[in-house]
Amino acid sequence: MAKLDEIAELLTEELNNFEHSVNRMEKLKEFLMDYEVQADTDGIDHLLKGYNDSQRKAVEEQNKLLANVIYHIKKSISFPKWAIKLFWGFMVTVLMVLGYAIFQISNIPKKEQAAFSQGESNAVRHFERFIEETPEAGALYEEWRNPKGKK
């Protein structure tokens, strides 16, 4: 019977512990039922504000860089390919015309000499023909050329 008393005592003790635990749970339940939960978002707000500030700074820096790129693009001059080809074609034409003009200018003394020689020979032939056609003029010319006092 001693064993039964011991088991009964253990069961009584376990029941007391169980009853005590149930009482504690009821008190906890009442406390939790009356407890009002308030959401505290201060930490999240702080994190979001910091993230927002860093994003704003990044966007401002990107806008500055974009404005700088746009400024340099507007400042730069770009020509279409056809305009560049037309310009170079024009320059080649101008250089060819200029080269031809320089060549012609360098030939001017030769042409002047040839024209002078031709004019001189034409003038001599003209005077020779004139003197042959008019003998009186030829005689007067010979008198003028060889004055009588100098013979």
N, C-alpha and C. Protein backbone atom coordinates (compact mmCIF):
# COMPACT_ATOMS: atom_id res chain seq x y z
N MET A 1 0.77 -1.16 0.00
CA MET A 1 0.00 0.00 0.00
C MET A 1 0.84 1.27 0.00
N ALA A 2 1.99 1.10 0.42
CA ALA A 2 2.88 2.23 0.45
C ALA A 2 3.11 2.75 -0.97
N LYS A 3 3.10 1.84 -1.89
CA LYS A 3 3.31 2.25 -3.26
C LYS A 3 2.12 3.03 -3.74
N LEU A 4 0.93 2.60 -3.38
CA LEU A 4 -0.29 3.28 -3.80
C LEU A 4 -0.34 4.68 -3.21
N ASP A 5 0.07 4.80 -1.97
CA ASP A 5 0.09 6.12 -1.36
C ASP A 5 1.07 7.03 -2.10
N GLU A 6 2.14 6.42 -2.46
CA GLU A 6 3.16 7.20 -3.16
C GLU A 6 2.64 7.64 -4.53
N ILE A 7 1.98 6.75 -5.25
CA ILE A 7 1.43 7.07 -6.57
C ILE A 7 0.32 8.11 -6.42
N ALA A 8 -0.54 7.96 -5.38
CA ALA A 8 -1.63 8.90 -5.15
C ALA A 8 -1.05 10.26 -4.83
N GLU A 9 0.00 10.26 -4.05
CA GLU A 9 0.64 11.53 -3.71
C GLU A 9 1.21 12.18 -4.96
N LEU A 10 1.85 11.42 -5.83
CA LEU A 10 2.39 11.95 -7.08
C LEU A 10 1.28 12.48 -7.99
N LEU A 11 0.19 11.74 -8.06
CA LEU A 11 -0.93 12.17 -8.89
C LEU A 11 -1.52 13.47 -8.34
N THR A 12 -1.64 13.58 -7.04
CA THR A 12 -2.17 14.78 -6.42
C THR A 12 -1.26 15.94 -6.71
N GLU A 13 0.00 15.69 -6.60
CA GLU A 13 0.97 16.75 -6.88
C GLU A 13 0.90 17.17 -8.34
N GLU A 14 0.76 16.23 -9.24
CA GLU A 14 0.67 16.53 -10.68
C GLU A 14 -0.60 17.29 -10.96
N LEU A 15 -1.69 16.91 -10.30
CA LEU A 15 -2.96 17.62 -10.50
C LEU A 15 -2.85 19.05 -10.01
N ASN A 16 -2.20 19.24 -8.87
CA ASN A 16 -2.00 20.60 -8.35
C ASN A 16 -1.17 21.44 -9.33
N ASN A 17 -0.11 20.82 -9.84
CA ASN A 17 0.72 21.53 -10.83
C ASN A 17 -0.09 21.85 -12.10
N PHE A 18 -0.89 20.89 -12.53
CA PHE A 18 -1.71 21.10 -13.73
C PHE A 18 -2.72 22.21 -13.49
N GLU A 19 -3.37 22.19 -12.28
CA GLU A 19 -4.35 23.23 -11.95
C GLU A 19 -3.67 24.58 -11.88
N HIS A 20 -2.49 24.61 -11.30
CA HIS A 20 -1.72 25.85 -11.21
C HIS A 20 -1.40 26.35 -12.62
N SER A 21 -1.00 25.47 -13.54
CA SER A 21 -0.68 25.85 -14.92
C SER A 21 -1.92 26.35 -15.63
N VAL A 22 -3.07 25.71 -15.39
CA VAL A 22 -4.33 26.16 -16.02
C VAL A 22 -4.68 27.54 -15.52
N ASN A 23 -4.52 27.80 -14.22
CA ASN A 23 -4.80 29.13 -13.67
C ASN A 23 -3.88 30.19 -14.31
N ARG A 24 -2.63 29.81 -14.42
CA ARG A 24 -1.70 30.76 -15.06
C ARG A 24 -2.09 31.03 -16.49
N MET A 25 -2.52 30.04 -17.22
CA MET A 25 -2.93 30.22 -18.62
C MET A 25 -4.19 31.06 -18.71
N GLU A 26 -5.12 30.89 -17.76
CA GLU A 26 -6.34 31.71 -17.77
C GLU A 26 -5.98 33.17 -17.53
N LYS A 27 -5.06 33.41 -16.57
CA LYS A 27 -4.65 34.79 -16.30
C LYS A 27 -3.96 35.39 -17.55
N LEU A 28 -3.14 34.57 -18.17
CA LEU A 28 -2.44 35.01 -19.37
C LEU A 28 -3.43 35.29 -20.50
N LYS A 29 -4.46 34.45 -20.60
CA LYS A 29 -5.49 34.65 -21.63
C LYS A 29 -6.23 35.94 -21.37
N GLU A 30 -6.60 36.20 -20.13
CA GLU A 30 -7.29 37.44 -19.80
C GLU A 30 -6.40 38.65 -20.08
N PHE A 31 -5.12 38.52 -19.73
CA PHE A 31 -4.19 39.61 -19.98
C PHE A 31 -4.08 39.88 -21.49
N LEU A 32 -3.95 38.81 -22.26
CA LEU A 32 -3.82 38.98 -23.70
C LEU A 32 -5.11 39.48 -24.33
N MET A 33 -6.23 39.13 -23.80
CA MET A 33 -7.51 39.62 -24.34
C MET A 33 -7.65 41.11 -24.08
N ASP A 34 -7.20 41.57 -22.96
CA ASP A 34 -7.31 42.98 -22.64
C ASP A 34 -6.16 43.81 -23.24
N TYR A 35 -5.10 43.13 -23.62
CA TYR A 35 -3.92 43.84 -24.13
C TYR A 35 -4.19 44.35 -25.54
N GLU A 36 -3.88 45.63 -25.78
CA GLU A 36 -4.05 46.23 -27.10
C GLU A 36 -2.68 46.29 -27.78
N VAL A 37 -2.64 45.74 -28.95
CA VAL A 37 -1.39 45.72 -29.71
C VAL A 37 -1.35 46.97 -30.58
N GLN A 38 -0.29 47.70 -30.46
CA GLN A 38 -0.10 48.90 -31.28
C GLN A 38 1.10 48.64 -32.20
N ALA A 39 0.89 48.90 -33.49
CA ALA A 39 1.97 48.69 -34.46
C ALA A 39 2.96 49.84 -34.34
N ASP A 40 4.19 49.52 -34.14
CA ASP A 40 5.24 50.53 -34.03
C ASP A 40 6.06 50.47 -35.32
N THR A 41 5.90 51.48 -36.15
CA THR A 41 6.59 51.50 -37.45
C THR A 41 7.75 52.50 -37.47
N ASP A 42 8.19 52.94 -36.33
CA ASP A 42 9.28 53.92 -36.29
C ASP A 42 10.54 53.37 -36.94
N GLY A 43 10.89 52.14 -36.65
CA GLY A 43 12.10 51.54 -37.23
C GLY A 43 11.99 51.41 -38.74
N ILE A 44 10.83 50.96 -39.18
CA ILE A 44 10.61 50.82 -40.63
C ILE A 44 10.61 52.18 -41.30
N ASP A 45 9.95 53.15 -40.66
CA ASP A 45 9.94 54.51 -41.22
C ASP A 45 11.35 55.06 -41.34
N HIS A 46 12.17 54.84 -40.33
CA HIS A 46 13.55 55.31 -40.37
C HIS A 46 14.32 54.67 -41.53
N LEU A 47 14.16 53.35 -41.69
CA LEU A 47 14.84 52.66 -42.78
C LEU A 47 14.35 53.16 -44.15
N LEU A 48 13.03 53.32 -44.27
CA LEU A 48 12.49 53.79 -45.55
C LEU A 48 12.92 55.22 -45.86
N LYS A 49 13.00 56.05 -44.82
CA LYS A 49 13.42 57.43 -45.03
C LYS A 49 14.88 57.47 -45.49
N GLY A 50 15.73 56.66 -44.87
CA GLY A 50 17.13 56.58 -45.28
C GLY A 50 17.25 56.09 -46.72
N TYR A 51 16.46 55.07 -47.06
CA TYR A 51 16.49 54.54 -48.43
C TYR A 51 15.99 55.59 -49.42
N ASN A 52 14.94 56.31 -49.04
CA ASN A 52 14.39 57.36 -49.90
C ASN A 52 15.43 58.47 -50.13
N ASP A 53 16.13 58.85 -49.07
CA ASP A 53 17.17 59.88 -49.21
C ASP A 53 18.28 59.43 -50.14
N SER A 54 18.73 58.18 -49.98
CA SER A 54 19.80 57.67 -50.85
C SER A 54 19.33 57.58 -52.30
N GLN A 55 18.08 57.19 -52.49
CA GLN A 55 17.53 57.13 -53.86
C GLN A 55 17.42 58.53 -54.47
N ARG A 56 17.01 59.49 -53.67
CA ARG A 56 16.89 60.87 -54.16
C ARG A 56 18.26 61.39 -54.59
N LYS A 57 19.28 61.11 -53.76
CA LYS A 57 20.63 61.55 -54.10
C LYS A 57 21.11 60.88 -55.39
N ALA A 58 20.83 59.59 -55.53
CA ALA A 58 21.24 58.87 -56.74
C ALA A 58 20.54 59.44 -57.97
N VAL A 59 19.25 59.74 -57.86
CA VAL A 59 18.50 60.31 -58.99
C VAL A 59 19.02 61.69 -59.34
N GLU A 60 19.33 62.50 -58.32
CA GLU A 60 19.86 63.84 -58.58
C GLU A 60 21.21 63.75 -59.29
N GLU A 61 22.06 62.83 -58.85
CA GLU A 61 23.37 62.66 -59.49
C GLU A 61 23.21 62.18 -60.93
N GLN A 62 22.28 61.27 -61.15
CA GLN A 62 22.04 60.80 -62.51
C GLN A 62 21.50 61.93 -63.38
N ASN A 63 20.64 62.77 -62.82
CA ASN A 63 20.11 63.90 -63.59
C ASN A 63 21.23 64.88 -63.95
N LYS A 64 22.16 65.10 -63.00
CA LYS A 64 23.30 65.98 -63.29
C LYS A 64 24.15 65.40 -64.42
N LEU A 65 24.43 64.09 -64.34
CA LEU A 65 25.23 63.45 -65.38
C LEU A 65 24.52 63.49 -66.73
N LEU A 66 23.21 63.27 -66.71
CA LEU A 66 22.43 63.32 -67.94
C LEU A 66 22.43 64.73 -68.52
N ALA A 67 22.30 65.74 -67.67
CA ALA A 67 22.34 67.12 -68.13
C ALA A 67 23.71 67.43 -68.73
N ASN A 68 24.76 66.91 -68.12
CA ASN A 68 26.11 67.11 -68.65
C ASN A 68 26.26 66.45 -70.02
N VAL A 69 25.75 65.25 -70.16
CA VAL A 69 25.80 64.54 -71.45
C VAL A 69 25.01 65.31 -72.50
N ILE A 70 23.82 65.77 -72.14
CA ILE A 70 22.99 66.52 -73.09
C ILE A 70 23.69 67.81 -73.49
N TYR A 71 24.34 68.48 -72.55
CA TYR A 71 25.07 69.72 -72.86
C TYR A 71 26.18 69.44 -73.87
N HIS A 72 26.94 68.37 -73.63
CA HIS A 72 28.04 68.05 -74.54
C HIS A 72 27.52 67.60 -75.90
N ILE A 73 26.40 66.91 -75.93
CA ILE A 73 25.83 66.50 -77.21
C ILE A 73 25.35 67.71 -77.99
N LYS A 74 24.69 68.65 -77.30
CA LYS A 74 24.22 69.86 -77.99
C LYS A 74 25.39 70.71 -78.46
N LYS A 75 26.48 70.70 -77.68
CA LYS A 75 27.65 71.50 -78.02
C LYS A 75 28.40 70.90 -79.21
N SER A 76 28.36 69.59 -79.31
CA SER A 76 29.08 68.94 -80.41
C SER A 76 28.33 69.15 -81.72
N ILE A 77 29.09 69.08 -82.79
CA ILE A 77 28.50 69.27 -84.12
C ILE A 77 28.62 67.93 -84.85
N SER A 78 27.53 67.48 -85.36
CA SER A 78 27.57 66.25 -86.13
C SER A 78 27.00 66.53 -87.52
N PHE A 79 27.67 66.00 -88.51
CA PHE A 79 27.26 66.20 -89.89
C PHE A 79 26.81 64.87 -90.47
N PRO A 80 25.84 64.91 -91.35
CA PRO A 80 25.46 63.67 -92.02
C PRO A 80 26.56 63.24 -93.00
N LYS A 81 26.57 61.96 -93.33
CA LYS A 81 27.62 61.42 -94.20
C LYS A 81 27.60 62.09 -95.57
N TRP A 82 26.40 62.35 -96.09
CA TRP A 82 26.32 62.95 -97.42
C TRP A 82 26.92 64.35 -97.43
N ALA A 83 26.79 65.10 -96.30
CA ALA A 83 27.36 66.45 -96.25
C ALA A 83 28.88 66.38 -96.21
N ILE A 84 29.41 65.40 -95.51
CA ILE A 84 30.87 65.25 -95.45
C ILE A 84 31.41 64.86 -96.82
N LYS A 85 30.73 63.93 -97.51
CA LYS A 85 31.16 63.53 -98.85
C LYS A 85 31.07 64.70 -99.82
N LEU A 86 30.00 65.47 -99.71
CA LEU A 86 29.84 66.64 -100.58
C LEU A 86 30.94 67.66 -100.31
N PHE A 87 31.27 67.88 -99.05
CA PHE A 87 32.34 68.81 -98.70
C PHE A 87 33.67 68.36 -99.29
N TRP A 88 34.02 67.08 -99.13
CA TRP A 88 35.29 66.59 -99.66
C TRP A 88 35.29 66.63 -101.19
N GLY A 89 34.16 66.33 -101.81
CA GLY A 89 34.08 66.44 -103.26
C GLY A 89 34.30 67.87 -103.72
N PHE A 90 33.71 68.80 -103.00
CA PHE A 90 33.89 70.22 -103.30
C PHE A 90 35.35 70.63 -103.13
N MET A 91 35.97 70.17 -102.04
CA MET A 91 37.37 70.51 -101.80
C MET A 91 38.28 69.95 -102.89
N VAL A 92 38.03 68.72 -103.33
CA VAL A 92 38.84 68.12 -104.39
C VAL A 92 38.67 68.94 -105.68
N THR A 93 37.42 69.33 -105.98
CA THR A 93 37.16 70.14 -107.18
C THR A 93 37.89 71.48 -107.08
N VAL A 94 37.81 72.12 -105.93
CA VAL A 94 38.48 73.41 -105.75
C VAL A 94 39.99 73.25 -105.93
N LEU A 95 40.56 72.20 -105.36
CA LEU A 95 42.01 71.98 -105.49
C LEU A 95 42.40 71.69 -106.94
N MET A 96 41.56 70.96 -107.67
CA MET A 96 41.86 70.69 -109.08
C MET A 96 41.81 71.98 -109.90
N VAL A 97 40.78 72.81 -109.66
CA VAL A 97 40.67 74.08 -110.37
C VAL A 97 41.84 74.99 -110.01
N LEU A 98 42.19 75.02 -108.75
CA LEU A 98 43.31 75.84 -108.30
C LEU A 98 44.62 75.36 -108.93
N GLY A 99 44.83 74.06 -109.00
CA GLY A 99 46.02 73.50 -109.64
C GLY A 99 46.07 73.85 -111.13
N TYR A 100 44.93 73.75 -111.81
CA TYR A 100 44.88 74.11 -113.23
C TYR A 100 45.16 75.59 -113.41
N ALA A 101 44.62 76.44 -112.53
CA ALA A 101 44.85 77.88 -112.63
C ALA A 101 46.33 78.19 -112.41
N ILE A 102 46.96 77.53 -111.46
CA ILE A 102 48.39 77.74 -111.22
C ILE A 102 49.20 77.29 -112.43
N PHE A 103 48.80 76.17 -113.01
CA PHE A 103 49.48 75.69 -114.22
C PHE A 103 49.35 76.70 -115.35
N GLN A 104 48.15 77.25 -115.54
CA GLN A 104 47.94 78.24 -116.60
C GLN A 104 48.73 79.51 -116.32
N ILE A 105 48.76 79.94 -115.07
CA ILE A 105 49.51 81.15 -114.71
C ILE A 105 51.00 80.93 -114.94
N SER A 106 51.49 79.74 -114.66
CA SER A 106 52.92 79.48 -114.88
C SER A 106 53.25 79.45 -116.37
N ASN A 107 52.27 79.20 -117.23
CA ASN A 107 52.51 79.18 -118.68
C ASN A 107 52.35 80.56 -119.32
N ILE A 108 51.94 81.57 -118.57
CA ILE A 108 51.73 82.90 -119.13
C ILE A 108 53.00 83.48 -119.74
N PRO A 109 54.16 83.42 -119.09
CA PRO A 109 55.37 83.97 -119.74
C PRO A 109 55.67 83.30 -121.08
N LYS A 110 55.49 82.00 -121.18
CA LYS A 110 55.72 81.30 -122.45
C LYS A 110 54.74 81.79 -123.51
N LYS A 111 53.48 81.94 -123.12
CA LYS A 111 52.47 82.40 -124.07
C LYS A 111 52.73 83.84 -124.47
N GLU A 112 53.16 84.66 -123.50
CA GLU A 112 53.49 86.05 -123.84
C GLU A 112 54.65 86.10 -124.82
N GLN A 113 55.66 85.27 -124.59
CA GLN A 113 56.81 85.24 -125.49
C GLN A 113 56.39 84.79 -126.88
N ALA A 114 55.55 83.75 -126.94
CA ALA A 114 55.09 83.25 -128.24
C ALA A 114 54.25 84.32 -128.94
N ALA A 115 53.36 84.99 -128.20
CA ALA A 115 52.52 86.03 -128.79
C ALA A 115 53.37 87.21 -129.25
N PHE A 116 54.38 87.57 -128.46
CA PHE A 116 55.26 88.66 -128.85
C PHE A 116 56.01 88.31 -130.12
N SER A 117 56.54 87.10 -130.18
CA SER A 117 57.27 86.67 -131.38
C SER A 117 56.35 86.66 -132.59
N GLN A 118 55.15 86.15 -132.41
CA GLN A 118 54.20 86.11 -133.52
C GLN A 118 53.81 87.52 -133.96
N GLY A 119 53.57 88.40 -132.98
CA GLY A 119 53.22 89.79 -133.30
C GLY A 119 54.36 90.49 -133.99
N GLU A 120 55.59 90.24 -133.54
CA GLU A 120 56.76 90.86 -134.15
C GLU A 120 56.91 90.40 -135.59
N SER A 121 56.77 89.10 -135.80
CA SER A 121 56.91 88.58 -137.16
C SER A 121 55.77 89.09 -138.05
N ASN A 122 54.55 89.18 -137.49
CA ASN A 122 53.43 89.73 -138.27
C ASN A 122 53.69 91.19 -138.62
N ALA A 123 54.21 91.95 -137.68
CA ALA A 123 54.49 93.37 -137.93
C ALA A 123 55.58 93.51 -138.98
N VAL A 124 56.63 92.72 -138.90
CA VAL A 124 57.72 92.78 -139.88
C VAL A 124 57.20 92.42 -141.27
N ARG A 125 56.41 91.33 -141.38
CA ARG A 125 55.84 90.94 -142.67
C ARG A 125 54.94 92.03 -143.22
N HIS A 126 54.15 92.65 -142.32
CA HIS A 126 53.24 93.72 -142.75
C HIS A 126 54.03 94.89 -143.33
N PHE A 127 55.10 95.31 -142.63
CA PHE A 127 55.91 96.42 -143.12
C PHE A 127 56.65 96.04 -144.40
N GLU A 128 57.13 94.79 -144.50
CA GLU A 128 57.82 94.36 -145.71
C GLU A 128 56.86 94.36 -146.89
N ARG A 129 55.65 93.85 -146.69
CA ARG A 129 54.65 93.86 -147.76
C ARG A 129 54.30 95.29 -148.16
N PHE A 130 54.15 96.15 -147.13
CA PHE A 130 53.81 97.55 -147.41
C PHE A 130 54.92 98.23 -148.22
N ILE A 131 56.14 97.96 -147.88
CA ILE A 131 57.28 98.58 -148.58
C ILE A 131 57.38 98.02 -150.00
N GLU A 132 57.08 96.72 -150.18
CA GLU A 132 57.10 96.12 -151.51
C GLU A 132 55.98 96.68 -152.37
N GLU A 133 54.82 96.89 -151.76
CA GLU A 133 53.67 97.39 -152.53
C GLU A 133 53.80 98.88 -152.87
N THR A 134 54.42 99.65 -152.01
CA THR A 134 54.59 101.09 -152.25
C THR A 134 56.07 101.41 -152.30
N PRO A 135 56.63 101.49 -153.52
CA PRO A 135 58.05 101.76 -153.64
C PRO A 135 58.45 103.13 -153.11
N GLU A 136 57.57 104.16 -153.19
CA GLU A 136 57.93 105.48 -152.67
C GLU A 136 58.16 105.44 -151.17
N ALA A 137 57.33 104.67 -150.49
CA ALA A 137 57.48 104.55 -149.04
C ALA A 137 58.78 103.84 -148.74
N GLY A 138 59.15 102.87 -149.61
CA GLY A 138 60.40 102.14 -149.40
C GLY A 138 61.60 103.05 -149.56
N ALA A 139 61.51 103.94 -150.53
CA ALA A 139 62.62 104.86 -150.76
C ALA A 139 62.73 105.82 -149.59
N LEU A 140 61.64 106.38 -149.16
CA LEU A 140 61.65 107.29 -148.02
C LEU A 140 62.21 106.59 -146.76
N TYR A 141 61.83 105.33 -146.60
CA TYR A 141 62.31 104.57 -145.44
C TYR A 141 63.82 104.38 -145.53
N GLU A 142 64.33 104.10 -146.72
CA GLU A 142 65.76 103.90 -146.89
C GLU A 142 66.51 105.20 -146.65
N GLU A 143 65.90 106.31 -147.05
CA GLU A 143 66.53 107.61 -146.79
C GLU A 143 66.57 107.89 -145.30
N TRP A 144 65.52 107.59 -144.67
CA TRP A 144 65.45 107.84 -143.23
C TRP A 144 66.43 106.94 -142.50
N ARG A 145 66.54 105.70 -142.95
CA ARG A 145 67.41 104.74 -142.30
C ARG A 145 68.87 105.07 -142.54
N ASN A 146 69.20 105.47 -143.69
CA ASN A 146 70.58 105.81 -144.01
C ASN A 146 70.64 107.26 -144.43
N PRO A 147 70.85 108.18 -143.51
CA PRO A 147 70.92 109.59 -143.91
C PRO A 147 72.15 109.82 -144.82
N LYS A 148 72.05 110.81 -145.73
CA LYS A 148 73.10 111.04 -146.73
C LYS A 148 74.39 111.55 -146.10
N GLY A 149 74.30 112.23 -145.08
CA GLY A 149 75.46 112.81 -144.45
C GLY A 149 76.32 111.75 -143.74
N LYS A 150 75.85 110.59 -143.49
CA LYS A 150 76.58 109.61 -142.71
C LYS A 150 77.27 108.58 -143.59
N LYS A 151 77.12 108.56 -144.84
CA LYS A 151 77.69 107.54 -145.69
C LYS A 151 79.12 107.55 -145.78
